[in-house]
Amino acid sequence: MRLQFRSKAQVSDKDTADAFATSWNTLPPGSVYTKRQFEDWFSPLTQEDVAGRSVLELGCGNGSLMAHIVDWRPHKLVGVDLGDSVASARRNMAATGFADYKIIQADLTAFESDGFDLVYCIGVLHHLQNPHAGFESVIRNTKPDGRFHCWVYAREGNAAVIGLVEPLRRIASKFPWWFTKYVLAAPLAGLFYLYAKTVRLLRNVPGIKIAPLYQYSIWIAEREYTFFHHVAFDQLVTPATVYISQATIRSWLRTHPRVDPTKTYVSMRNGNSWKFGGTVC
């Protein structure tokens, strides 16, 4: 077996998209997320914010979120992704029976449209070579008086991940995707699976809340091992991961001329990530 490494100068957003796509395209049909997870990621947005409106997802992967949002009855739904995961997204969307959708293979940072009532980007900005360029695209593709919503890894609350996982990611991302997924991610996912299940089991024990990634562990422990494996691979396969601080997000929102400063929000999710969004002028 010969493993070919890529230097930092050789990697790009396309490399990341291709790595994710190979994994997305080997998953079983349907969404990898539960309805509860979908609603959690989208909060404070609800069905009322989606029904009858045009909606764009930047970085749609295999359509796992799109497959849920169709239940909120958007008028039109478009997904954009750079990788070949668009093949899985089209299959998963076709299975929903929702008619007015389109999947476009394109670079989300350069994507331009006439604008949508709602634009969301979940779990993608922190994997871009330039996360701010992704944020700019979110705003650019949102109509005046439209809404946008994003979710990113936080710098706050991720000390254990930054200290332990990040050094491994810098190495693992240079391997072929299959080696990273099955040789590296699989056993590490098993270890975290046991840790998270233990934390959840002991959640009423005094002092347990100081355990690393406590809130995140409580959340993910509801899921099966295969989801842990999916998340572990997500962490290790990408050549680029940026942990974004609340100060950075607030700066993006405060300084963008099209963002209404009176209609923004930033909230922490599971102790280690940020949801943020608002309204475009």
Protein backbone atom coordinates (compact mmCIF):
# COMPACT_ATOMS: atom_id res chain seq x y z
CA MET A 1 0.00 0.00 0.00
CA ARG A 2 1.40 3.37 -1.03
CA LEU A 3 0.09 6.50 0.67
CA GLN A 4 0.44 9.79 -1.18
CA PHE A 5 0.69 12.95 0.89
CA ARG A 6 -0.39 16.43 -0.12
CA SER A 7 1.46 19.53 1.01
CA LYS A 8 -0.43 22.45 2.53
CA ALA A 9 0.21 24.46 -0.63
CA GLN A 10 -1.50 21.80 -2.74
CA VAL A 11 -4.80 21.60 -0.85
CA SER A 12 -7.88 23.68 -1.60
CA ASP A 13 -11.60 23.83 -0.91
CA LYS A 14 -12.03 21.38 -3.80
CA ASP A 15 -9.81 18.86 -2.00
CA THR A 16 -11.99 19.17 1.09
CA ALA A 17 -15.20 18.89 -0.95
CA ASP A 18 -13.90 15.82 -2.76
CA ALA A 19 -12.93 14.11 0.50
CA PHE A 20 -16.33 14.74 2.04
CA ALA A 21 -18.10 13.72 -1.16
CA THR A 22 -16.54 10.28 -1.20
CA SER A 23 -17.86 9.70 2.31
CA TRP A 24 -21.30 11.25 1.65
CA ASN A 25 -21.73 9.11 -1.46
CA THR A 26 -21.11 5.88 0.46
CA LEU A 27 -23.71 6.57 3.17
CA PRO A 28 -27.12 4.86 3.14
CA PRO A 29 -29.93 6.82 1.44
CA GLY A 30 -31.64 9.56 3.39
CA SER A 31 -30.54 12.12 5.93
CA VAL A 32 -27.74 11.37 8.35
CA TYR A 33 -29.41 13.73 10.85
CA THR A 34 -32.53 13.26 12.95
CA LYS A 35 -35.43 15.71 12.86
CA ARG A 36 -34.47 16.83 16.36
CA GLN A 37 -30.91 17.59 15.26
CA PHE A 38 -32.20 19.50 12.25
CA GLU A 39 -34.48 21.67 14.39
CA ASP A 40 -31.66 22.24 16.89
CA TRP A 41 -29.27 23.45 14.18
CA PHE A 42 -31.89 25.81 12.72
CA SER A 43 -33.16 27.32 15.97
CA PRO A 44 -34.20 30.14 16.40
CA LEU A 45 -35.61 29.68 12.87
CA THR A 46 -38.83 27.68 12.65
CA GLN A 47 -41.22 26.48 9.98
CA GLU A 48 -42.82 29.94 9.96
CA ASP A 49 -39.55 31.40 8.63
CA VAL A 50 -39.38 28.87 5.78
CA ALA A 51 -42.92 28.15 4.59
CA GLY A 52 -43.65 29.68 1.21
CA ARG A 53 -40.18 31.23 0.89
CA SER A 54 -37.19 30.68 -1.40
CA VAL A 55 -34.35 28.94 0.45
CA LEU A 56 -30.67 28.39 -0.40
CA GLU A 57 -28.22 26.04 1.33
CA LEU A 58 -24.55 26.78 0.72
CA GLY A 59 -22.57 23.58 1.22
CA CYS A 60 -25.40 21.04 1.02
CA GLY A 61 -23.36 17.82 1.11
CA ASN A 62 -25.67 14.90 0.45
CA GLY A 63 -28.80 16.95 1.11
CA SER A 64 -29.24 15.74 4.70
CA LEU A 65 -30.57 19.10 5.89
CA MET A 66 -32.52 19.78 2.71
CA ALA A 67 -34.33 16.47 3.17
CA HIS A 68 -35.70 17.80 6.46
CA ILE A 69 -36.39 21.39 5.48
CA VAL A 70 -38.81 20.27 2.74
CA ASP A 71 -41.20 19.38 5.59
CA TRP A 72 -41.33 23.11 6.35
CA ARG A 73 -42.71 23.65 2.82
CA PRO A 74 -40.43 26.22 1.21
CA HIS A 75 -41.59 27.69 -2.09
CA LYS A 76 -38.25 26.87 -3.71
CA LEU A 77 -35.15 25.10 -2.42
CA VAL A 78 -31.63 25.21 -3.90
CA GLY A 79 -28.51 23.46 -2.66
CA VAL A 80 -24.96 24.29 -3.70
CA ASP A 81 -21.90 22.14 -3.13
CA LEU A 82 -18.45 21.99 -4.68
CA GLY A 83 -18.04 18.23 -4.43
CA ASP A 84 -19.53 15.21 -6.16
CA SER A 85 -21.80 14.73 -3.15
CA VAL A 86 -24.34 16.52 -5.36
CA ALA A 87 -25.07 13.07 -6.79
CA SER A 88 -26.26 11.83 -3.39
CA ALA A 89 -28.07 15.11 -2.72
CA ARG A 90 -30.09 14.70 -5.92
CA ARG A 91 -31.02 11.13 -5.04
CA ASN A 92 -32.02 12.04 -1.49
CA MET A 93 -34.06 15.01 -2.62
CA ALA A 94 -35.81 12.98 -5.32
CA ALA A 95 -36.85 10.51 -2.62
CA THR A 96 -38.61 13.27 -0.64
CA GLY A 97 -41.15 13.89 -3.39
CA PHE A 98 -40.59 17.64 -3.15
CA ALA A 99 -40.74 19.07 -6.66
CA ASP A 100 -39.29 22.59 -6.65
CA TYR A 101 -35.63 21.99 -5.82
CA LYS A 102 -32.32 22.28 -7.61
CA ILE A 103 -28.85 20.97 -6.75
CA ILE A 104 -25.95 22.94 -8.22
CA GLN A 105 -22.31 21.89 -8.23
CA ALA A 106 -20.36 25.10 -7.69
CA ASP A 107 -17.93 26.88 -5.39
CA LEU A 108 -20.12 28.41 -2.69
CA THR A 109 -17.67 31.27 -2.10
CA ALA A 110 -18.13 32.42 -5.71
CA PHE A 111 -21.80 31.52 -6.12
CA GLU A 112 -24.11 34.34 -7.19
CA SER A 113 -27.88 34.44 -7.58
CA ASP A 114 -30.78 36.87 -7.75
CA GLY A 115 -31.20 36.34 -4.02
CA PHE A 116 -33.19 34.13 -1.64
CA ASP A 117 -35.52 34.84 1.27
CA LEU A 118 -33.41 32.58 3.48
CA VAL A 119 -29.79 31.49 3.07
CA TYR A 120 -28.19 29.03 5.48
CA CYS A 121 -24.72 27.52 5.78
CA ILE A 122 -24.30 24.88 8.47
CA GLY A 123 -21.02 23.13 9.25
CA VAL A 124 -19.16 24.51 6.24
CA LEU A 125 -17.59 27.93 6.86
CA HIS A 126 -15.04 26.53 9.33
CA HIS A 127 -13.73 24.11 6.67
CA LEU A 128 -13.09 26.75 4.03
CA GLN A 129 -9.64 28.12 3.28
CA ASN A 130 -11.25 31.55 3.77
CA PRO A 131 -14.28 31.35 6.10
CA HIS A 132 -15.02 35.06 5.73
CA ALA A 133 -15.40 34.62 1.96
CA GLY A 134 -18.07 32.02 2.70
CA PHE A 135 -19.86 34.44 5.03
CA GLU A 136 -19.72 37.12 2.32
CA SER A 137 -21.43 34.69 -0.07
CA VAL A 138 -24.17 34.00 2.46
CA ILE A 139 -24.95 37.71 2.68
CA ARG A 140 -24.52 38.31 -1.07
CA ASN A 141 -27.15 35.68 -1.90
CA THR A 142 -29.70 36.90 0.65
CA LYS A 143 -32.41 39.24 -0.60
CA PRO A 144 -33.06 42.60 1.07
CA ASP A 145 -35.18 41.91 4.18
CA GLY A 146 -34.20 38.24 3.84
CA ARG A 147 -32.69 36.15 6.62
CA PHE A 148 -29.46 34.20 6.95
CA HIS A 149 -28.34 31.53 9.42
CA CYS A 150 -24.96 29.86 10.00
CA TRP A 151 -23.34 27.34 12.31
CA VAL A 152 -19.58 27.03 12.94
CA TYR A 153 -17.10 25.38 15.28
CA ALA A 154 -16.30 27.71 18.20
CA ARG A 155 -12.85 28.57 19.46
CA GLU A 156 -14.43 28.73 22.89
CA GLY A 157 -15.13 25.36 24.51
CA ASN A 158 -12.98 23.34 22.12
CA ALA A 159 -9.66 23.27 23.99
CA ALA A 160 -9.64 19.45 24.06
CA VAL A 161 -10.36 19.19 20.33
CA ILE A 162 -7.82 21.87 19.39
CA GLY A 163 -5.17 20.30 21.60
CA LEU A 164 -5.74 16.63 20.79
CA VAL A 165 -7.63 16.29 17.52
CA GLU A 166 -6.09 19.15 15.53
CA PRO A 167 -2.51 17.76 15.52
CA LEU A 168 -3.89 14.42 14.32
CA ARG A 169 -6.07 16.13 11.67
CA ARG A 170 -3.05 17.85 10.15
CA ILE A 171 -1.58 14.41 9.52
CA ALA A 172 -4.77 12.45 8.79
CA SER A 173 -5.97 14.91 6.14
CA LYS A 174 -2.91 14.08 4.05
CA PHE A 175 -3.86 10.41 3.75
CA PRO A 176 -6.32 8.99 1.19
CA TRP A 177 -9.89 9.43 2.42
CA TRP A 178 -10.49 5.70 2.92
CA PHE A 179 -7.44 5.33 5.16
CA THR A 180 -8.56 8.27 7.27
CA LYS A 181 -12.13 6.99 7.51
CA TYR A 182 -11.58 3.31 8.23
CA VAL A 183 -8.12 3.07 9.79
CA LEU A 184 -8.01 6.28 11.82
CA ALA A 185 -11.53 7.62 12.35
CA ALA A 186 -13.21 4.29 13.11
CA PRO A 187 -11.29 3.39 16.30
CA LEU A 188 -11.18 6.99 17.51
CA ALA A 189 -14.93 7.23 17.06
CA GLY A 190 -15.26 4.12 19.20
CA LEU A 191 -13.28 5.70 22.01
CA PHE A 192 -15.32 8.90 21.95
CA TYR A 193 -18.53 6.85 21.71
CA LEU A 194 -17.63 5.16 25.02
CA TYR A 195 -16.64 8.49 26.59
CA ALA A 196 -19.82 10.30 25.55
CA LYS A 197 -22.08 7.43 26.62
CA THR A 198 -20.32 7.36 30.01
CA VAL A 199 -20.69 11.11 30.48
CA ARG A 200 -24.39 10.89 29.64
CA LEU A 201 -24.84 7.96 32.03
CA LEU A 202 -23.15 9.93 34.83
CA ARG A 203 -24.77 13.28 34.00
CA ASN A 204 -26.39 13.56 37.44
CA VAL A 205 -23.17 12.88 39.32
CA PRO A 206 -21.86 16.01 41.11
CA GLY A 207 -18.89 17.57 39.31
CA ILE A 208 -19.38 15.74 36.00
CA LYS A 209 -20.19 19.00 34.22
CA ILE A 210 -16.51 19.98 34.28
CA ALA A 211 -15.67 17.02 32.03
CA PRO A 212 -14.26 18.08 28.63
CA LEU A 213 -16.96 18.53 25.98
CA TYR A 214 -19.67 17.81 28.56
CA GLN A 215 -22.60 19.48 26.78
CA TYR A 216 -21.54 18.15 23.38
CA SER A 217 -21.18 14.63 24.79
CA ILE A 218 -24.68 14.74 26.27
CA TRP A 219 -26.03 15.77 22.87
CA ILE A 220 -24.19 13.29 20.66
CA ALA A 221 -24.62 10.36 23.07
CA GLU A 222 -28.21 10.06 21.87
CA ARG A 223 -26.88 8.76 18.55
CA GLU A 224 -25.49 5.41 17.41
CA TYR A 225 -21.83 4.56 16.70
CA THR A 226 -22.19 5.12 12.95
CA PHE A 227 -22.97 8.79 13.56
CA PHE A 228 -19.90 9.10 15.81
CA HIS A 229 -17.86 7.61 12.96
CA HIS A 230 -19.33 10.13 10.54
CA VAL A 231 -18.41 13.01 12.87
CA ALA A 232 -14.90 11.69 13.53
CA PHE A 233 -14.23 11.42 9.81
CA ASP A 234 -15.61 14.93 9.32
CA GLN A 235 -13.04 16.17 11.85
CA LEU A 236 -10.06 14.32 10.38
CA VAL A 237 -10.53 14.37 6.60
CA THR A 238 -10.51 18.09 5.96
CA PRO A 239 -7.29 19.92 5.11
CA ALA A 240 -8.74 23.07 6.70
CA THR A 241 -10.47 23.62 10.02
CA VAL A 242 -10.80 26.99 11.71
CA TYR A 243 -12.27 27.45 15.19
CA ILE A 244 -14.09 30.77 15.09
CA SER A 245 -14.42 33.02 18.13
CA GLN A 246 -17.52 34.91 19.17
CA ALA A 247 -15.57 38.15 18.73
CA THR A 248 -14.85 37.28 15.09
CA ILE A 249 -18.50 36.48 14.39
CA ARG A 250 -19.69 39.69 16.01
CA SER A 251 -17.15 41.62 13.96
CA TRP A 252 -18.46 40.03 10.74
CA LEU A 253 -22.01 40.99 11.68
CA ARG A 254 -21.15 44.48 12.91
CA THR A 255 -19.01 45.56 9.98
CA HIS A 256 -20.95 44.18 7.02
CA PRO A 257 -22.89 47.04 5.41
CA ARG A 258 -25.82 44.81 4.39
CA VAL A 259 -26.43 43.27 7.81
CA ASP A 260 -29.08 45.01 9.91
CA PRO A 261 -27.28 45.51 13.27
CA THR A 262 -30.59 45.56 15.16
CA LYS A 263 -31.64 42.12 13.90
CA THR A 264 -28.70 39.79 14.53
CA TYR A 265 -28.14 36.95 16.99
CA VAL A 266 -25.22 34.85 18.20
CA SER A 267 -25.80 31.86 20.47
CA MET A 268 -23.62 29.04 21.73
CA ARG A 269 -24.65 25.49 20.91
CA ASN A 270 -23.59 22.48 22.99
CA GLY A 271 -20.80 24.45 24.63
CA ASN A 272 -18.49 24.29 21.61
CA SER A 273 -20.09 25.87 18.55
CA TRP A 274 -21.85 29.05 17.46
CA LYS A 275 -25.13 29.66 15.69
CA PHE A 276 -25.53 33.12 14.28
CA GLY A 277 -27.61 34.99 11.79
CA GLY A 278 -29.84 37.94 11.15
CA THR A 279 -31.57 40.04 8.54
CA VAL A 280 -30.10 41.67 5.44
CA CYS A 281 -30.84 45.32 4.60
